[in-house]
Amino acid sequence: MASPAYRLAALDQDFLLGDSMRGVRFLLEYAKAEERLRAWGVRSTIVVFGSARIALDGPPDHARWYREARAFGRLASEKGGALVSNGTVRDNVIATGGGPGVMEAANLGATDAGAPSIGFNITLPHEQEPNAYSTPDLTFRFHYFAMRKMHLAMRANALVVFPGGFGTMDELFEVLTLRQTQKIGQPIPIIMFDRAFWNKAVNFQAFVDAGTINPADLDLFSYADTAFDAWSQLERAGVRHARPST
């Protein structure tokens, strides 16, 4: 009876954390977040990406990005359908990677509006602590990047990408690829915040010139320089209407 073989499988941590159970762990990470999101009636989200290293007391550009991310989080929460009190579904709930910087600012903006917001955090050697503003019941911790990305994308009505580093680039190009290959149920708007930054950081025209993407692929995204402009573009794109189930 003391043998590991005799333990109940569901209570055997060594077994559950073994190589053969990786698929089960994927399922658990999907199901736990999915259950909570459904309990809160979250039907659609607006995902905000951006650097974890940006702070309000940082350099002028950093402070501006933080303020605009906060302003956008509040504006989208007030106007997008996240504020409901009658038990109906919530649309366009702010969702971030759950960390500091731009993510914190967007979650804080939702808090300013009195709306819930989501933090999809992940275990990392650094920068992994959840910020103080994502709704506790909607603050998740993932081990697998793949499952975290799936949850970020699967309810997204829109993506707003603030300046960031490798992680932001990874997430941006992931969603651009899903749009390009039409693996998202319906096209979602992708807005890149601060045209001057993005024009310096990524030469998208070079991809067209080299023949590695089609010229039409440049229409998969647009630019905004203020929170109001970003929200106005999303409104024109119809984000106040929920995405159909896929």
C-alpha atoms as a PDB file:
ATOM      1  CA  MET A   1       0.000   0.000   0.000  1.00  0.00           C
ATOM      2  CA  ALA A   2       2.997   2.331   0.445  1.00  0.00           C
ATOM      3  CA  SER A   3       4.095   1.775  -3.146  1.00  0.00           C
ATOM      4  CA  PRO A   4       3.649   4.714  -5.585  1.00  0.00           C
ATOM      5  CA  ALA A   5       1.793   2.323  -7.869  1.00  0.00           C
ATOM      6  CA  TYR A   6      -0.996   2.075  -5.276  1.00  0.00           C
ATOM      7  CA  ARG A   7      -1.681   5.828  -5.091  1.00  0.00           C
ATOM      8  CA  LEU A   8      -4.869   7.147  -6.643  1.00  0.00           C
ATOM      9  CA  ALA A   9      -3.852   8.480 -10.033  1.00  0.00           C
ATOM     10  CA  ALA A  10      -5.567  11.844  -9.442  1.00  0.00           C
ATOM     11  CA  LEU A  11      -3.595  12.319  -6.193  1.00  0.00           C
ATOM     12  CA  ASP A  12      -0.227  11.087  -7.461  1.00  0.00           C
ATOM     13  CA  GLN A  13       1.787  14.246  -8.172  1.00  0.00           C
ATOM     14  CA  ASP A  14       4.812  12.353  -9.460  1.00  0.00           C
ATOM     15  CA  PHE A  15       2.579  10.643 -12.017  1.00  0.00           C
ATOM     16  CA  LEU A  16       0.688  13.806 -12.994  1.00  0.00           C
ATOM     17  CA  LEU A  17       3.918  15.731 -13.536  1.00  0.00           C
ATOM     18  CA  GLY A  18       5.526  12.973 -15.593  1.00  0.00           C
ATOM     19  CA  ASP A  19       6.158  13.035 -19.339  1.00  0.00           C
ATOM     20  CA  SER A  20       3.248  10.755 -20.195  1.00  0.00           C
ATOM     21  CA  MET A  21       0.744  13.179 -18.632  1.00  0.00           C
ATOM     22  CA  ARG A  22       1.797  16.285 -20.570  1.00  0.00           C
ATOM     23  CA  GLY A  23      -1.386  16.132 -22.639  1.00  0.00           C
ATOM     24  CA  VAL A  24      -3.484  15.952 -19.475  1.00  0.00           C
ATOM     25  CA  ARG A  25      -1.675  19.004 -18.082  1.00  0.00           C
ATOM     26  CA  PHE A  26      -2.474  20.864 -21.300  1.00  0.00           C
ATOM     27  CA  LEU A  27      -6.125  19.967 -20.828  1.00  0.00           C
ATOM     28  CA  LEU A  28      -6.098  21.092 -17.200  1.00  0.00           C
ATOM     29  CA  GLU A  29      -4.618  24.475 -18.115  1.00  0.00           C
ATOM     30  CA  TYR A  30      -7.284  24.911 -20.771  1.00  0.00           C
ATOM     31  CA  ALA A  31     -10.192  23.747 -18.609  1.00  0.00           C
ATOM     32  CA  LYS A  32      -9.421  25.684 -15.432  1.00  0.00           C
ATOM     33  CA  ALA A  33      -9.296  29.064 -17.168  1.00  0.00           C
ATOM     34  CA  GLU A  34     -12.238  28.194 -19.411  1.00  0.00           C
ATOM     35  CA  GLU A  35     -14.417  27.342 -16.420  1.00  0.00           C
ATOM     36  CA  ARG A  36     -13.689  30.650 -14.693  1.00  0.00           C
ATOM     37  CA  LEU A  37     -14.182  32.733 -17.815  1.00  0.00           C
ATOM     38  CA  ARG A  38     -17.558  31.127 -18.457  1.00  0.00           C
ATOM     39  CA  ALA A  39     -18.600  31.645 -14.844  1.00  0.00           C
ATOM     40  CA  TRP A  40     -17.960  35.367 -15.293  1.00  0.00           C
ATOM     41  CA  GLY A  41     -19.851  35.424 -18.592  1.00  0.00           C
ATOM     42  CA  VAL A  42     -16.821  36.498 -20.615  1.00  0.00           C
ATOM     43  CA  ARG A  43     -17.868  36.055 -24.221  1.00  0.00           C
ATOM     44  CA  SER A  44     -15.236  38.212 -25.920  1.00  0.00           C
ATOM     45  CA  THR A  45     -12.118  40.159 -25.039  1.00  0.00           C
ATOM     46  CA  ILE A  46      -9.870  42.934 -26.251  1.00  0.00           C
ATOM     47  CA  VAL A  47      -6.290  41.788 -25.849  1.00  0.00           C
ATOM     48  CA  VAL A  48      -3.626  44.352 -24.963  1.00  0.00           C
ATOM     49  CA  PHE A  49       0.025  43.439 -25.449  1.00  0.00           C
ATOM     50  CA  GLY A  50       3.099  45.495 -24.585  1.00  0.00           C
ATOM     51  CA  SER A  51       6.325  45.657 -22.650  1.00  0.00           C
ATOM     52  CA  ALA A  52       6.528  44.630 -18.997  1.00  0.00           C
ATOM     53  CA  ARG A  53       9.361  47.159 -18.569  1.00  0.00           C
ATOM     54  CA  ILE A  54       7.321  50.307 -19.136  1.00  0.00           C
ATOM     55  CA  ALA A  55       6.528  52.419 -16.069  1.00  0.00           C
ATOM     56  CA  LEU A  56       4.703  55.656 -15.386  1.00  0.00           C
ATOM     57  CA  ASP A  57       7.851  57.107 -13.803  1.00  0.00           C
ATOM     58  CA  GLY A  58      10.072  56.003 -16.691  1.00  0.00           C
ATOM     59  CA  PRO A  59      11.317  57.937 -19.743  1.00  0.00           C
ATOM     60  CA  PRO A  60       8.790  60.242 -21.442  1.00  0.00           C
ATOM     61  CA  ASP A  61       7.800  57.703 -24.107  1.00  0.00           C
ATOM     62  CA  HIS A  62       7.337  55.002 -21.486  1.00  0.00           C
ATOM     63  CA  ALA A  63       5.173  57.262 -19.334  1.00  0.00           C
ATOM     64  CA  ARG A  64       3.055  58.209 -22.357  1.00  0.00           C
ATOM     65  CA  TRP A  65       2.571  54.572 -23.370  1.00  0.00           C
ATOM     66  CA  TYR A  66       1.558  53.697 -19.805  1.00  0.00           C
ATOM     67  CA  ARG A  67      -0.962  56.561 -19.640  1.00  0.00           C
ATOM     68  CA  GLU A  68      -2.442  55.716 -23.039  1.00  0.00           C
ATOM     69  CA  ALA A  69      -2.710  51.997 -22.212  1.00  0.00           C
ATOM     70  CA  ARG A  70      -4.526  52.914 -19.009  1.00  0.00           C
ATOM     71  CA  ALA A  71      -6.810  55.317 -20.865  1.00  0.00           C
ATOM     72  CA  PHE A  72      -7.556  52.668 -23.486  1.00  0.00           C
ATOM     73  CA  GLY A  73      -8.340  50.050 -20.839  1.00  0.00           C
ATOM     74  CA  ARG A  74     -10.860  52.391 -19.258  1.00  0.00           C
ATOM     75  CA  LEU A  75     -12.418  53.538 -22.532  1.00  0.00           C
ATOM     76  CA  ALA A  76     -12.838  50.032 -23.915  1.00  0.00           C
ATOM     77  CA  SER A  77     -14.269  48.784 -20.619  1.00  0.00           C
ATOM     78  CA  GLU A  78     -16.784  51.622 -20.393  1.00  0.00           C
ATOM     79  CA  LYS A  79     -17.970  51.396 -23.979  1.00  0.00           C
ATOM     80  CA  GLY A  80     -17.355  47.817 -25.038  1.00  0.00           C
ATOM     81  CA  GLY A  81     -19.739  45.778 -22.894  1.00  0.00           C
ATOM     82  CA  ALA A  82     -17.551  44.653 -19.990  1.00  0.00           C
ATOM     83  CA  LEU A  83     -19.687  46.595 -17.528  1.00  0.00           C
ATOM     84  CA  VAL A  84     -22.764  44.486 -16.917  1.00  0.00           C
ATOM     85  CA  SER A  85     -24.579  43.842 -13.654  1.00  0.00           C
ATOM     86  CA  ASN A  86     -27.574  41.780 -14.708  1.00  0.00           C
ATOM     87  CA  GLY A  87     -25.926  38.419 -15.189  1.00  0.00           C
ATOM     88  CA  THR A  88     -25.687  38.653 -18.973  1.00  0.00           C
ATOM     89  CA  VAL A  89     -22.590  37.999 -21.022  1.00  0.00           C
ATOM     90  CA  ARG A  90     -19.675  40.407 -21.017  1.00  0.00           C
ATOM     91  CA  ASP A  91     -18.051  41.510 -24.256  1.00  0.00           C
ATOM     92  CA  ASN A  92     -14.703  43.154 -24.960  1.00  0.00           C
ATOM     93  CA  VAL A  93     -13.283  42.479 -21.517  1.00  0.00           C
ATOM     94  CA  ILE A  94      -9.680  43.703 -21.297  1.00  0.00           C
ATOM     95  CA  ALA A  95      -7.263  40.767 -21.330  1.00  0.00           C
ATOM     96  CA  THR A  96      -3.507  41.054 -20.857  1.00  0.00           C
ATOM     97  CA  GLY A  97      -0.536  38.891 -20.056  1.00  0.00           C
ATOM     98  CA  GLY A  98      -1.147  39.797 -16.435  1.00  0.00           C
ATOM     99  CA  GLY A  99       2.269  41.290 -15.717  1.00  0.00           C
ATOM    100  CA  PRO A 100       3.617  44.794 -15.075  1.00  0.00           C
ATOM    101  CA  GLY A 101       4.141  47.654 -17.539  1.00  0.00           C
ATOM    102  CA  VAL A 102       1.631  48.041 -20.356  1.00  0.00           C
ATOM    103  CA  MET A 103      -0.295  45.030 -19.077  1.00  0.00           C
ATOM    104  CA  GLU A 104      -0.677  46.595 -15.648  1.00  0.00           C
ATOM    105  CA  ALA A 105      -1.770  49.880 -17.204  1.00  0.00           C
ATOM    106  CA  ALA A 106      -4.527  48.270 -19.274  1.00  0.00           C
ATOM    107  CA  ASN A 107      -5.799  46.249 -16.300  1.00  0.00           C
ATOM    108  CA  LEU A 108      -5.686  49.431 -14.185  1.00  0.00           C
ATOM    109  CA  GLY A 109      -7.769  51.258 -16.778  1.00  0.00           C
ATOM    110  CA  ALA A 110     -10.441  48.566 -16.557  1.00  0.00           C
ATOM    111  CA  THR A 111     -10.354  48.901 -12.772  1.00  0.00           C
ATOM    112  CA  ASP A 112     -10.813  52.674 -13.154  1.00  0.00           C
ATOM    113  CA  ALA A 113     -14.018  51.915 -15.057  1.00  0.00           C
ATOM    114  CA  GLY A 114     -15.213  49.460 -12.415  1.00  0.00           C
ATOM    115  CA  ALA A 115     -14.992  46.584 -14.900  1.00  0.00           C
ATOM    116  CA  PRO A 116     -13.399  43.159 -14.542  1.00  0.00           C
ATOM    117  CA  SER A 117     -10.290  42.369 -16.531  1.00  0.00           C
ATOM    118  CA  ILE A 118      -8.227  39.277 -17.219  1.00  0.00           C
ATOM    119  CA  GLY A 119      -4.584  38.487 -16.532  1.00  0.00           C
ATOM    120  CA  PHE A 120      -3.108  35.472 -18.323  1.00  0.00           C
ATOM    121  CA  ASN A 121       0.117  35.197 -16.354  1.00  0.00           C
ATOM    122  CA  ILE A 122       2.859  32.637 -16.923  1.00  0.00           C
ATOM    123  CA  THR A 123       5.611  31.160 -14.795  1.00  0.00           C
ATOM    124  CA  LEU A 124       8.933  32.714 -15.838  1.00  0.00           C
ATOM    125  CA  PRO A 125      12.313  33.258 -14.181  1.00  0.00           C
ATOM    126  CA  HIS A 126      11.554  36.997 -13.995  1.00  0.00           C
ATOM    127  CA  GLU A 127       8.730  39.490 -14.683  1.00  0.00           C
ATOM    128  CA  GLN A 128       6.159  36.807 -13.916  1.00  0.00           C
ATOM    129  CA  GLU A 129       4.361  38.321 -10.913  1.00  0.00           C
ATOM    130  CA  PRO A 130       0.739  39.290 -11.569  1.00  0.00           C
ATOM    131  CA  ASN A 131      -0.067  42.969 -11.370  1.00  0.00           C
ATOM    132  CA  ALA A 132      -2.437  44.276  -8.728  1.00  0.00           C
ATOM    133  CA  TYR A 133      -5.284  45.224 -11.069  1.00  0.00           C
ATOM    134  CA  SER A 134      -6.489  42.166 -12.954  1.00  0.00           C
ATOM    135  CA  THR A 135      -9.599  40.694 -11.332  1.00  0.00           C
ATOM    136  CA  PRO A 136      -8.467  38.013  -8.843  1.00  0.00           C
ATOM    137  CA  ASP A 137     -11.002  35.443 -10.092  1.00  0.00           C
ATOM    138  CA  LEU A 138      -9.762  36.090 -13.633  1.00  0.00           C
ATOM    139  CA  THR A 139      -6.025  36.042 -12.927  1.00  0.00           C
ATOM    140  CA  PHE A 140      -4.548  32.819 -14.220  1.00  0.00           C
ATOM    141  CA  ARG A 141      -1.121  31.222 -14.103  1.00  0.00           C
ATOM    142  CA  PHE A 142       0.105  29.053 -16.963  1.00  0.00           C
ATOM    143  CA  HIS A 143       3.082  26.796 -17.430  1.00  0.00           C
ATOM    144  CA  TYR A 144       2.700  26.341 -21.185  1.00  0.00           C
ATOM    145  CA  PHE A 145       3.065  29.313 -23.519  1.00  0.00           C
ATOM    146  CA  ALA A 146       0.960  27.479 -26.114  1.00  0.00           C
ATOM    147  CA  MET A 147      -2.085  27.218 -23.849  1.00  0.00           C
ATOM    148  CA  ARG A 148      -1.684  30.798 -22.668  1.00  0.00           C
ATOM    149  CA  LYS A 149      -1.603  31.990 -26.281  1.00  0.00           C
ATOM    150  CA  MET A 150      -4.676  29.943 -27.094  1.00  0.00           C
ATOM    151  CA  HIS A 151      -6.666  31.588 -24.306  1.00  0.00           C
ATOM    152  CA  LEU A 152      -5.417  35.030 -25.350  1.00  0.00           C
ATOM    153  CA  ALA A 153      -6.564  34.463 -28.935  1.00  0.00           C
ATOM    154  CA  MET A 154      -9.715  32.366 -28.735  1.00  0.00           C
ATOM    155  CA  ARG A 155     -12.085  35.057 -27.392  1.00  0.00           C
ATOM    156  CA  ALA A 156     -10.318  38.082 -28.863  1.00  0.00           C
ATOM    157  CA  ASN A 157     -12.480  40.650 -30.605  1.00  0.00           C
ATOM    158  CA  ALA A 158      -9.417  42.814 -31.211  1.00  0.00           C
ATOM    159  CA  LEU A 159      -5.722  43.115 -30.483  1.00  0.00           C
ATOM    160  CA  VAL A 160      -4.006  46.356 -29.427  1.00  0.00           C
ATOM    161  CA  VAL A 161      -0.218  46.106 -29.410  1.00  0.00           C
ATOM    162  CA  PHE A 162       1.836  48.694 -27.545  1.00  0.00           C
ATOM    163  CA  PRO A 163       5.623  48.912 -27.904  1.00  0.00           C
ATOM    164  CA  GLY A 164       7.366  45.916 -26.418  1.00  0.00           C
ATOM    165  CA  GLY A 165      10.198  43.435 -26.683  1.00  0.00           C
ATOM    166  CA  PHE A 166      10.607  39.850 -27.791  1.00  0.00           C
ATOM    167  CA  GLY A 167       7.477  38.620 -25.979  1.00  0.00           C
ATOM    168  CA  THR A 168       5.323  41.310 -27.550  1.00  0.00           C
ATOM    169  CA  MET A 169       6.786  40.560 -30.982  1.00  0.00           C
ATOM    170  CA  ASP A 170       6.128  36.855 -30.500  1.00  0.00           C
ATOM    171  CA  GLU A 171       2.483  37.452 -29.608  1.00  0.00           C
ATOM    172  CA  LEU A 172       1.978  40.023 -32.367  1.00  0.00           C
ATOM    173  CA  PHE A 173       3.320  37.782 -35.117  1.00  0.00           C
ATOM    174  CA  GLU A 174       1.357  34.832 -33.733  1.00  0.00           C
ATOM    175  CA  VAL A 175      -1.914  36.705 -34.227  1.00  0.00           C
ATOM    176  CA  LEU A 176      -0.811  38.180 -37.560  1.00  0.00           C
ATOM    177  CA  THR A 177      -0.148  34.636 -38.751  1.00  0.00           C
ATOM    178  CA  LEU A 178      -3.574  33.488 -37.547  1.00  0.00           C
ATOM    179  CA  ARG A 179      -5.141  36.366 -39.474  1.00  0.00           C
ATOM    180  CA  GLN A 180      -3.037  35.772 -42.584  1.00  0.00           C
ATOM    181  CA  THR A 181      -3.848  32.060 -42.655  1.00  0.00           C
ATOM    182  CA  GLN A 182      -7.501  32.656 -41.726  1.00  0.00           C
ATOM    183  CA  LYS A 183      -7.270  30.400 -38.694  1.00  0.00           C
ATOM    184  CA  ILE A 184      -9.353  32.870 -36.675  1.00  0.00           C
ATOM    185  CA  GLY A 185     -13.104  32.477 -37.102  1.00  0.00           C
ATOM    186  CA  GLN A 186     -13.636  36.041 -38.233  1.00  0.00           C
ATOM    187  CA  PRO A 187     -11.069  38.731 -38.992  1.00  0.00           C
ATOM    188  CA  ILE A 188     -10.168  40.733 -35.907  1.00  0.00           C
ATOM    189  CA  PRO A 189      -8.653  44.211 -36.032  1.00  0.00           C
ATOM    190  CA  ILE A 190      -5.008  44.508 -35.008  1.00  0.00           C
ATOM    191  CA  ILE A 191      -3.935  47.974 -33.938  1.00  0.00           C
ATOM    192  CA  MET A 192      -0.301  48.833 -33.340  1.00  0.00           C
ATOM    193  CA  PHE A 193       0.101  51.734 -30.951  1.00  0.00           C
ATOM    194  CA  ASP A 194       2.636  54.487 -31.751  1.00  0.00           C
ATOM    195  CA  ARG A 195       3.330  54.415 -35.465  1.00  0.00           C
ATOM    196  CA  ALA A 196       6.758  56.032 -35.031  1.00  0.00           C
ATOM    197  CA  PHE A 197       7.940  53.203 -32.766  1.00  0.00           C
ATOM    198  CA  TRP A 198       6.687  50.437 -35.035  1.00  0.00           C
ATOM    199  CA  ASN A 199       8.076  52.035 -38.185  1.00  0.00           C
ATOM    200  CA  LYS A 200      11.511  52.003 -36.552  1.00  0.00           C
ATOM    201  CA  ALA A 201      11.175  48.585 -34.946  1.00  0.00           C
ATOM    202  CA  VAL A 202       9.817  46.562 -37.888  1.00  0.00           C
ATOM    203  CA  ASN A 203      10.178  47.278 -41.596  1.00  0.00           C
ATOM    204  CA  PHE A 204       7.053  45.521 -42.807  1.00  0.00           C
ATOM    205  CA  GLN A 205       7.514  46.889 -46.326  1.00  0.00           C
ATOM    206  CA  ALA A 206      10.772  44.923 -46.526  1.00  0.00           C
ATOM    207  CA  PHE A 207       8.769  41.683 -46.331  1.00  0.00           C
ATOM    208  CA  VAL A 208       6.695  42.812 -49.316  1.00  0.00           C
ATOM    209  CA  ASP A 209       9.758  43.954 -51.255  1.00  0.00           C
ATOM    210  CA  ALA A 210      11.427  40.580 -50.672  1.00  0.00           C
ATOM    211  CA  GLY A 211       8.299  38.732 -51.805  1.00  0.00           C
ATOM    212  CA  THR A 212       7.846  36.916 -48.500  1.00  0.00           C
ATOM    213  CA  ILE A 213       4.359  38.350 -47.863  1.00  0.00           C
ATOM    214  CA  ASN A 214       1.689  39.768 -50.129  1.00  0.00           C
ATOM    215  CA  PRO A 215       1.125  43.529 -50.315  1.00  0.00           C
ATOM    216  CA  ALA A 216      -2.411  42.915 -49.030  1.00  0.00           C
ATOM    217  CA  ASP A 217      -0.960  41.493 -45.813  1.00  0.00           C
ATOM    218  CA  LEU A 218      -0.083  45.047 -44.788  1.00  0.00           C
ATOM    219  CA  ASP A 219      -3.824  45.630 -44.464  1.00  0.00           C
ATOM    220  CA  LEU A 220      -4.007  43.116 -41.600  1.00  0.00           C
ATOM    221  CA  PHE A 221      -3.096  45.861 -39.127  1.00  0.00           C
ATOM    222  CA  SER A 222      -3.382  49.595 -38.604  1.00  0.00           C
ATOM    223  CA  TYR A 223      -1.805  52.218 -36.360  1.00  0.00           C
ATOM    224  CA  ALA A 224      -3.048  54.504 -33.597  1.00  0.00           C
ATOM    225  CA  ASP A 225      -1.326  57.176 -31.534  1.00  0.00           C
ATOM    226  CA  THR A 226      -3.952  57.816 -28.868  1.00  0.00           C
ATOM    227  CA  ALA A 227      -6.289  55.676 -26.816  1.00  0.00           C
ATOM    228  CA  PHE A 228      -9.270  57.491 -28.317  1.00  0.00           C
ATOM    229  CA  ASP A 229      -8.079  56.820 -31.870  1.00  0.00           C
ATOM    230  CA  ALA A 230      -7.535  53.130 -31.068  1.00  0.00           C
ATOM    231  CA  TRP A 231     -11.038  52.762 -29.651  1.00  0.00           C
ATOM    232  CA  SER A 232     -12.592  54.731 -32.523  1.00  0.00           C
ATOM    233  CA  GLN A 233     -10.986  52.362 -35.022  1.00  0.00           C
ATOM    234  CA  LEU A 234     -12.300  49.363 -33.115  1.00  0.00           C
ATOM    235  CA  GLU A 235     -15.794  50.820 -33.001  1.00  0.00           C
ATOM    236  CA  ARG A 236     -15.720  51.355 -36.753  1.00  0.00           C
ATOM    237  CA  ALA A 237     -14.630  47.744 -37.121  1.00  0.00           C
ATOM    238  CA  GLY A 238     -17.689  46.636 -35.133  1.00  0.00           C
ATOM    239  CA  VAL A 239     -16.003  45.272 -32.026  1.00  0.00           C
ATOM    240  CA  ARG A 240     -19.039  46.119 -29.921  1.00  0.00           C
ATOM    241  CA  HIS A 241     -20.663  43.119 -31.550  1.00  0.00           C
ATOM    242  CA  ALA A 242     -19.642  39.759 -30.079  1.00  0.00           C
ATOM    243  CA  ARG A 243     -17.681  37.303 -32.142  1.00  0.00           C
ATOM    244  CA  PRO A 244     -19.642  34.211 -33.134  1.00  0.00           C
ATOM    245  CA  SER A 245     -18.616  30.942 -31.571  1.00  0.00           C
ATOM    246  CA  THR A 246     -15.942  29.049 -33.511  1.00  0.00           C
END
